Amino acid sequence: MLAVAILAGCTIAKPRTDDPLEKYNRKAYEFNNAVDKAVIRPVALGYRKVTNPPVRRSFSDFFTNIRMPITVANDLLQARPKQALQSTGRFLVNLTLGIGGFFDPASQLGLPLEDNDFGITLARWGAPEGDFLMVPLLGPSTARDIWRIPVDSYFFDPLSLFAANHHYNGLQYLPQAMYLVTLRSRAIDAEGFLASAYDPYVFIRDAYRQQRLYEIYDGNPPAAIIERMQGLDTPDFDPDQLLQQQHDWEKNHPKQTGKPAGKP
C-alpha cells in the first residue's frame, strides 16, 4: 500500500518537444539507415519471401509472449499488481494452451496485451524524459528510455538471459536475431508512411515520442499533453505552414510519393 501511495503522488514529467542533439541524431539516423538498407532490410525481405502470413504471425506471437516477463517485472516495479497478474495469466495461457506461445488463445479469452519496460517505469515514477537520442544500430530513444536496454536485458528479458547463460558457438544469439528480423519484417508494411514524409528523421522522432506517450498513459494521454507534443499550445503554431512544407516536399520528391512532379 505504501508503494501505491508513493506512486500516486508522482507526477509524470511533461514531454519534450525540442531536439538539442539533432546534429548528432541525424548522423546516427543516416548510419542506421545505411546499415538497414545494406543488411537488415534484405534479411527481413528474405524472411518474408520464405514464410507466409500465418507463419510470421506465429513467430511474432511467440516473441511477444516469451518477452512478457519484462512487462510483468515492470508492472511490479510500478506497483501495478492487477496488470502484473493479467500479464502473468496471459503469459501462462499462451505458453501452455498456445503451444509455447506460437498461438494466442489469451486474446480470445479476453486477457489484454500490455507492453511495459523500464523506460515507462522511470516515466511513471516522475523521471524527466531527457534529450531525444538516435542510438546507432538500436534506433530512437531518449536519455530516460535508454536505460530500458541494459536493465530489461540484464534482469528480465528471457532471450538475453538465455544468450548470457548458454554458449553454443554463437548460436545462443540466434533467438535474439530472429526476434529483430521479425520486428523489421513487420515494419516493412509501414514503409510507405516514412517514404511520404518530407523529413523522415523528424517523422521517426515525433512518431517515437507519440508512441511512448501513449504507452506511458495506458493509451489515453490527456488532451493537453497531446497538444503540447504536437506544438498546438504555442502561439506561433501555423498548420498552414506545415501543410505547405509537406506539399513542397511532395513536389520535389515525386518518386517517393508516387505523384507526378508539380501535382499536389
Foldseek 3Di string as FASTA:
>chain_A
DVLVVLLVPADQDFADQDAPPVVVQVVLVVLQVVCCVVPQVVVLVVVPVVDDVLQLLLLLQLQLLLLLQQVLVLCVLSVNVVLNVLSVVQSVCCCPVVVNRSDRCSVVVVRDRADDFVLLSCRSNHNYFAHWHQDHPPGTGTPSRVVRVVPCLVPGRPLSVQLVPDDDPPCSCVSVVVNSSSVSNVCVVVVLVLLLALDNSVVRRLVVSVVVQCNSVVNDHDPVSVCVSVVVPDPPDDVVVVVVSSVVSCLVCVVSNVDHHPDD
